[in-house]
């Protein structure tokens, strides 16, 4: 099984405001750029301990700007060509549809019962015009099935949750509730996950 070094993208202004981003495409803020560069240093140290060469791994990103910027800053920190990586549309963040750009209190103000309905079955609940975690997991599972070598990924929190479910690190429902930090590398290896920060 290929090892996955998964970086959730660095912070954006929407993250800082606790707004759902989904497919909205903001750039990283200053803190997010620092997180991405720090992840490059963490990866470099991890590769030294593992006696690996950073250029020997594959690198792939979600197509969204925040993930691509994270990948490019991380690769520059590793001393690699910032732009020499692949993009895979299957790694794009879960779509929140009409909820994109809103905070949870704003969503609840529009429909007082909707978050309760969502919490009852978060794996299969889809916001209006959006997708559910089951849909996201199908994309991520399909992507992982195509991976042939150890790979560094710049993606989104939803992708980490989907991989947690795929590897049975958590149940599907528990994975949807997992707190996925920015500025952290999630290493999936042999059916386990480690956080490196």
C-alpha atoms as a PDB file:
ATOM      1  CA  UNK A   1       0.000   0.000   0.000  1.00  0.00           C
ATOM      2  CA  UNK A   2       1.483   3.370  -0.979  1.00  0.00           C
ATOM      3  CA  UNK A   3       2.205   5.813   1.843  1.00  0.00           C
ATOM      4  CA  UNK A   4       0.276   9.087   1.615  1.00  0.00           C
ATOM      5  CA  UNK A   5       1.700  12.284   3.118  1.00  0.00           C
ATOM      6  CA  UNK A   6      -1.428  14.452   3.158  1.00  0.00           C
ATOM      7  CA  UNK A   7      -1.279  18.204   3.811  1.00  0.00           C
ATOM      8  CA  UNK A   8      -4.510  20.048   4.393  1.00  0.00           C
ATOM      9  CA  UNK A   9      -4.085  23.416   2.673  1.00  0.00           C
ATOM     10  CA  UNK A  10      -3.007  26.419   4.726  1.00  0.00           C
ATOM     11  CA  UNK A  11      -5.434  28.935   6.171  1.00  0.00           C
ATOM     12  CA  UNK A  12      -7.493  31.342   4.038  1.00  0.00           C
ATOM     13  CA  UNK A  13      -9.505  34.370   5.136  1.00  0.00           C
ATOM     14  CA  UNK A  14     -12.644  32.187   4.969  1.00  0.00           C
ATOM     15  CA  UNK A  15     -11.079  29.654   7.354  1.00  0.00           C
ATOM     16  CA  UNK A  16     -10.210  32.484   9.725  1.00  0.00           C
ATOM     17  CA  UNK A  17     -13.854  33.624   9.631  1.00  0.00           C
ATOM     18  CA  UNK A  18     -15.059  30.018  10.153  1.00  0.00           C
ATOM     19  CA  UNK A  19     -16.939  30.011   6.830  1.00  0.00           C
ATOM     20  CA  UNK A  20     -17.560  26.881   4.763  1.00  0.00           C
ATOM     21  CA  UNK A  21     -15.426  27.081   1.634  1.00  0.00           C
ATOM     22  CA  UNK A  22     -16.193  24.007  -0.435  1.00  0.00           C
ATOM     23  CA  UNK A  23     -15.541  25.002  -4.047  1.00  0.00           C
ATOM     24  CA  UNK A  24     -15.015  28.728  -3.344  1.00  0.00           C
ATOM     25  CA  UNK A  25     -11.450  29.413  -4.430  1.00  0.00           C
ATOM     26  CA  UNK A  26      -9.638  31.942  -2.191  1.00  0.00           C
ATOM     27  CA  UNK A  27      -5.875  32.249  -1.912  1.00  0.00           C
ATOM     28  CA  UNK A  28      -3.951  31.540   1.286  1.00  0.00           C
ATOM     29  CA  UNK A  29      -3.631  34.313   3.835  1.00  0.00           C
ATOM     30  CA  UNK A  30      -0.280  35.176   5.488  1.00  0.00           C
ATOM     31  CA  UNK A  31      -0.774  32.538   8.196  1.00  0.00           C
ATOM     32  CA  UNK A  32      -1.654  29.945   5.552  1.00  0.00           C
ATOM     33  CA  UNK A  33       1.547  30.675   3.622  1.00  0.00           C
ATOM     34  CA  UNK A  34       3.555  30.237   6.840  1.00  0.00           C
ATOM     35  CA  UNK A  35       1.774  26.924   7.520  1.00  0.00           C
ATOM     36  CA  UNK A  36       2.574  25.653   4.026  1.00  0.00           C
ATOM     37  CA  UNK A  37       6.272  26.536   4.329  1.00  0.00           C
ATOM     38  CA  UNK A  38       6.400  24.956   7.807  1.00  0.00           C
ATOM     39  CA  UNK A  39       4.901  21.750   6.376  1.00  0.00           C
ATOM     40  CA  UNK A  40       7.783  21.699   3.908  1.00  0.00           C
ATOM     41  CA  UNK A  41      10.235  21.796   6.829  1.00  0.00           C
ATOM     42  CA  UNK A  42       8.334  19.056   8.673  1.00  0.00           C
ATOM     43  CA  UNK A  43       8.358  16.887   5.539  1.00  0.00           C
ATOM     44  CA  UNK A  44      12.060  17.519   4.986  1.00  0.00           C
ATOM     45  CA  UNK A  45      12.832  16.390   8.558  1.00  0.00           C
ATOM     46  CA  UNK A  46      10.519  13.392   8.199  1.00  0.00           C
ATOM     47  CA  UNK A  47      12.217  12.318   4.967  1.00  0.00           C
ATOM     48  CA  UNK A  48      15.673  12.633   6.596  1.00  0.00           C
ATOM     49  CA  UNK A  49      14.550  10.367   9.462  1.00  0.00           C
ATOM     50  CA  UNK A  50      13.065   7.897   6.964  1.00  0.00           C
ATOM     51  CA  UNK A  51      16.198   8.111   4.773  1.00  0.00           C
ATOM     52  CA  UNK A  52      14.131   9.169   1.768  1.00  0.00           C
ATOM     53  CA  UNK A  53      14.842  11.638  -0.995  1.00  0.00           C
ATOM     54  CA  UNK A  54      12.041  14.163  -1.489  1.00  0.00           C
ATOM     55  CA  UNK A  55      12.411  13.982  -5.271  1.00  0.00           C
ATOM     56  CA  UNK A  56      11.645  10.236  -5.232  1.00  0.00           C
ATOM     57  CA  UNK A  57       7.982  10.702  -4.271  1.00  0.00           C
ATOM     58  CA  UNK A  58       5.001  11.687  -6.408  1.00  0.00           C
ATOM     59  CA  UNK A  59       3.310  15.032  -5.699  1.00  0.00           C
ATOM     60  CA  UNK A  60      -0.346  15.788  -6.454  1.00  0.00           C
ATOM     61  CA  UNK A  61      -2.752  18.571  -5.539  1.00  0.00           C
ATOM     62  CA  UNK A  62      -6.406  19.441  -5.603  1.00  0.00           C
ATOM     63  CA  UNK A  63      -7.078  21.946  -8.394  1.00  0.00           C
ATOM     64  CA  UNK A  64      -8.202  24.670  -5.956  1.00  0.00           C
ATOM     65  CA  UNK A  65      -5.881  27.658  -5.456  1.00  0.00           C
ATOM     66  CA  UNK A  66      -5.421  27.176  -1.701  1.00  0.00           C
ATOM     67  CA  UNK A  67      -4.184  23.601  -2.184  1.00  0.00           C
ATOM     68  CA  UNK A  68      -1.954  24.490  -5.138  1.00  0.00           C
ATOM     69  CA  UNK A  69      -0.351  27.379  -3.239  1.00  0.00           C
ATOM     70  CA  UNK A  70       0.250  25.032  -0.309  1.00  0.00           C
ATOM     71  CA  UNK A  71       1.908  22.502  -2.613  1.00  0.00           C
ATOM     72  CA  UNK A  72       4.080  25.134  -4.296  1.00  0.00           C
ATOM     73  CA  UNK A  73       5.293  26.699  -1.044  1.00  0.00           C
ATOM     74  CA  UNK A  74       5.940  23.268   0.461  1.00  0.00           C
ATOM     75  CA  UNK A  75       7.893  22.103  -2.629  1.00  0.00           C
ATOM     76  CA  UNK A  76       9.965  25.317  -2.659  1.00  0.00           C
ATOM     77  CA  UNK A  77      10.871  24.696   0.992  1.00  0.00           C
ATOM     78  CA  UNK A  78      11.979  21.179   0.019  1.00  0.00           C
ATOM     79  CA  UNK A  79      14.203  22.646  -2.711  1.00  0.00           C
ATOM     80  CA  UNK A  80      12.028  21.206  -5.498  1.00  0.00           C
ATOM     81  CA  UNK A  81      10.611  22.967  -8.553  1.00  0.00           C
ATOM     82  CA  UNK A  82       7.469  24.563  -7.072  1.00  0.00           C
ATOM     83  CA  UNK A  83       5.401  23.874 -10.203  1.00  0.00           C
ATOM     84  CA  UNK A  84       6.443  20.286 -11.028  1.00  0.00           C
ATOM     85  CA  UNK A  85       3.473  18.399  -9.584  1.00  0.00           C
ATOM     86  CA  UNK A  86       0.260  16.819 -10.833  1.00  0.00           C
ATOM     87  CA  UNK A  87      -3.301  18.029 -10.325  1.00  0.00           C
ATOM     88  CA  UNK A  88      -6.163  15.610  -9.789  1.00  0.00           C
ATOM     89  CA  UNK A  89      -9.760  16.856  -9.836  1.00  0.00           C
ATOM     90  CA  UNK A  90     -10.846  13.957  -7.606  1.00  0.00           C
ATOM     91  CA  UNK A  91      -9.028  15.645  -4.706  1.00  0.00           C
ATOM     92  CA  UNK A  92     -11.236  18.750  -4.821  1.00  0.00           C
ATOM     93  CA  UNK A  93     -13.022  19.668  -1.582  1.00  0.00           C
ATOM     94  CA  UNK A  94     -16.533  18.480  -0.769  1.00  0.00           C
ATOM     95  CA  UNK A  95     -19.153  20.765  -2.346  1.00  0.00           C
ATOM     96  CA  UNK A  96     -21.309  22.633   0.176  1.00  0.00           C
ATOM     97  CA  UNK A  97     -23.650  24.018  -2.488  1.00  0.00           C
ATOM     98  CA  UNK A  98     -25.822  26.862  -1.161  1.00  0.00           C
ATOM     99  CA  UNK A  99     -23.940  26.799   2.142  1.00  0.00           C
ATOM    100  CA  UNK A 100     -20.609  27.892   0.671  1.00  0.00           C
ATOM    101  CA  UNK A 101     -19.386  31.136   2.189  1.00  0.00           C
ATOM    102  CA  UNK A 102     -21.705  30.841   5.208  1.00  0.00           C
ATOM    103  CA  UNK A 103     -20.965  30.171   8.875  1.00  0.00           C
ATOM    104  CA  UNK A 104     -22.841  27.477  10.794  1.00  0.00           C
ATOM    105  CA  UNK A 105     -24.812  30.121  12.775  1.00  0.00           C
ATOM    106  CA  UNK A 106     -25.859  31.749   9.487  1.00  0.00           C
ATOM    107  CA  UNK A 107     -27.013  28.371   8.148  1.00  0.00           C
ATOM    108  CA  UNK A 108     -28.973  27.676  11.318  1.00  0.00           C
ATOM    109  CA  UNK A 109     -30.605  31.126  11.153  1.00  0.00           C
ATOM    110  CA  UNK A 110     -31.931  30.252   7.676  1.00  0.00           C
ATOM    111  CA  UNK A 111     -33.246  26.833   8.757  1.00  0.00           C
ATOM    112  CA  UNK A 112     -33.237  26.160  12.534  1.00  0.00           C
ATOM    113  CA  UNK A 113     -33.486  22.359  12.174  1.00  0.00           C
ATOM    114  CA  UNK A 114     -31.079  21.734   9.288  1.00  0.00           C
ATOM    115  CA  UNK A 115     -27.912  21.214  11.352  1.00  0.00           C
ATOM    116  CA  UNK A 116     -29.738  18.748  13.604  1.00  0.00           C
ATOM    117  CA  UNK A 117     -30.811  16.797  10.508  1.00  0.00           C
ATOM    118  CA  UNK A 118     -27.244  16.920   9.227  1.00  0.00           C
ATOM    119  CA  UNK A 119     -25.800  15.656  12.526  1.00  0.00           C
ATOM    120  CA  UNK A 120     -28.181  12.660  12.495  1.00  0.00           C
ATOM    121  CA  UNK A 121     -26.553  11.311   9.310  1.00  0.00           C
ATOM    122  CA  UNK A 122     -23.562  13.446   8.365  1.00  0.00           C
ATOM    123  CA  UNK A 123     -22.151  10.742   6.043  1.00  0.00           C
ATOM    124  CA  UNK A 124     -25.184  10.833   3.734  1.00  0.00           C
ATOM    125  CA  UNK A 125     -26.468  14.386   4.307  1.00  0.00           C
ATOM    126  CA  UNK A 126     -25.964  16.772   1.368  1.00  0.00           C
ATOM    127  CA  UNK A 127     -26.584  20.521   1.665  1.00  0.00           C
ATOM    128  CA  UNK A 128     -28.832  22.010  -1.025  1.00  0.00           C
ATOM    129  CA  UNK A 129     -26.849  21.857  -4.270  1.00  0.00           C
ATOM    130  CA  UNK A 130     -23.915  20.160  -2.529  1.00  0.00           C
ATOM    131  CA  UNK A 131     -22.624  16.649  -1.998  1.00  0.00           C
ATOM    132  CA  UNK A 132     -22.485  14.275   0.946  1.00  0.00           C
ATOM    133  CA  UNK A 133     -19.410  12.643   2.459  1.00  0.00           C
ATOM    134  CA  UNK A 134     -20.315   9.357   0.772  1.00  0.00           C
ATOM    135  CA  UNK A 135     -19.946  11.120  -2.623  1.00  0.00           C
ATOM    136  CA  UNK A 136     -16.617  12.628  -1.578  1.00  0.00           C
ATOM    137  CA  UNK A 137     -15.397   9.247  -0.309  1.00  0.00           C
ATOM    138  CA  UNK A 138     -16.165   7.621  -3.671  1.00  0.00           C
ATOM    139  CA  UNK A 139     -13.923  10.188  -5.400  1.00  0.00           C
ATOM    140  CA  UNK A 140     -11.110   9.835  -2.854  1.00  0.00           C
ATOM    141  CA  UNK A 141     -11.329   6.024  -2.883  1.00  0.00           C
ATOM    142  CA  UNK A 142     -11.140   6.072  -6.687  1.00  0.00           C
ATOM    143  CA  UNK A 143      -8.115   8.371  -6.519  1.00  0.00           C
ATOM    144  CA  UNK A 144      -6.315   6.194  -3.950  1.00  0.00           C
ATOM    145  CA  UNK A 145      -6.941   3.077  -6.054  1.00  0.00           C
ATOM    146  CA  UNK A 146      -4.973   4.779  -8.859  1.00  0.00           C
ATOM    147  CA  UNK A 147      -1.947   5.618  -6.678  1.00  0.00           C
ATOM    148  CA  UNK A 148       1.069   3.446  -7.508  1.00  0.00           C
ATOM    149  CA  UNK A 149       3.814   4.965  -5.332  1.00  0.00           C
ATOM    150  CA  UNK A 150       4.338   6.931  -2.124  1.00  0.00           C
ATOM    151  CA  UNK A 151       2.738  10.327  -2.662  1.00  0.00           C
ATOM    152  CA  UNK A 152       2.593  13.805  -1.123  1.00  0.00           C
ATOM    153  CA  UNK A 153      -0.871  15.371  -1.421  1.00  0.00           C
ATOM    154  CA  UNK A 154      -2.057  18.954  -0.943  1.00  0.00           C
ATOM    155  CA  UNK A 155      -5.782  18.776  -0.407  1.00  0.00           C
ATOM    156  CA  UNK A 156      -8.615  19.510   1.963  1.00  0.00           C
ATOM    157  CA  UNK A 157     -10.009  18.454   5.311  1.00  0.00           C
ATOM    158  CA  UNK A 158     -12.721  16.398   3.639  1.00  0.00           C
ATOM    159  CA  UNK A 159     -10.088  14.290   1.891  1.00  0.00           C
ATOM    160  CA  UNK A 160      -8.380  13.440   5.188  1.00  0.00           C
ATOM    161  CA  UNK A 161     -11.751  12.401   6.642  1.00  0.00           C
ATOM    162  CA  UNK A 162     -12.482  10.230   3.605  1.00  0.00           C
ATOM    163  CA  UNK A 163      -9.108   8.470   3.926  1.00  0.00           C
ATOM    164  CA  UNK A 164      -9.726   7.905   7.649  1.00  0.00           C
ATOM    165  CA  UNK A 165     -12.922   6.091   6.696  1.00  0.00           C
ATOM    166  CA  UNK A 166     -11.275   4.249   3.780  1.00  0.00           C
ATOM    167  CA  UNK A 167      -8.552   2.823   6.039  1.00  0.00           C
ATOM    168  CA  UNK A 168     -11.042   2.122   8.874  1.00  0.00           C
ATOM    169  CA  UNK A 169      -9.107   4.397  11.204  1.00  0.00           C
ATOM    170  CA  UNK A 170     -12.526   5.751  12.225  1.00  0.00           C
ATOM    171  CA  UNK A 171     -16.067   4.807  11.359  1.00  0.00           C
ATOM    172  CA  UNK A 172     -17.610   6.752   8.483  1.00  0.00           C
ATOM    173  CA  UNK A 173     -19.674   8.867  10.881  1.00  0.00           C
ATOM    174  CA  UNK A 174     -16.819   9.509  13.319  1.00  0.00           C
ATOM    175  CA  UNK A 175     -14.540  10.525  10.438  1.00  0.00           C
ATOM    176  CA  UNK A 176     -17.010  13.254   9.409  1.00  0.00           C
ATOM    177  CA  UNK A 177     -16.629  14.765  12.878  1.00  0.00           C
ATOM    178  CA  UNK A 178     -12.819  14.583  13.040  1.00  0.00           C
ATOM    179  CA  UNK A 179     -11.007  17.875  13.563  1.00  0.00           C
ATOM    180  CA  UNK A 180      -8.508  18.237  10.709  1.00  0.00           C
ATOM    181  CA  UNK A 181      -5.904  20.902  11.433  1.00  0.00           C
ATOM    182  CA  UNK A 182      -4.060  23.125   8.999  1.00  0.00           C
ATOM    183  CA  UNK A 183      -0.284  23.155   9.097  1.00  0.00           C
ATOM    184  CA  UNK A 184      -0.243  19.410   9.839  1.00  0.00           C
ATOM    185  CA  UNK A 185       0.863  16.446   7.721  1.00  0.00           C
ATOM    186  CA  UNK A 186      -1.287  13.327   8.013  1.00  0.00           C
ATOM    187  CA  UNK A 187       0.734  10.223   7.163  1.00  0.00           C
ATOM    188  CA  UNK A 188      -1.345   7.232   6.045  1.00  0.00           C
ATOM    189  CA  UNK A 189       0.773   4.080   6.112  1.00  0.00           C
ATOM    190  CA  UNK A 190      -0.153   0.418   6.483  1.00  0.00           C
ATOM    191  CA  UNK A 191      -3.742   1.189   7.469  1.00  0.00           C
ATOM    192  CA  UNK A 192      -2.722   3.629  10.211  1.00  0.00           C
ATOM    193  CA  UNK A 193      -2.512   7.410  10.433  1.00  0.00           C
ATOM    194  CA  UNK A 194       0.035   9.644  12.198  1.00  0.00           C
ATOM    195  CA  UNK A 195      -0.065  13.435  12.621  1.00  0.00           C
ATOM    196  CA  UNK A 196       3.184  15.292  12.039  1.00  0.00           C
ATOM    197  CA  UNK A 197       3.451  18.981  12.904  1.00  0.00           C
END
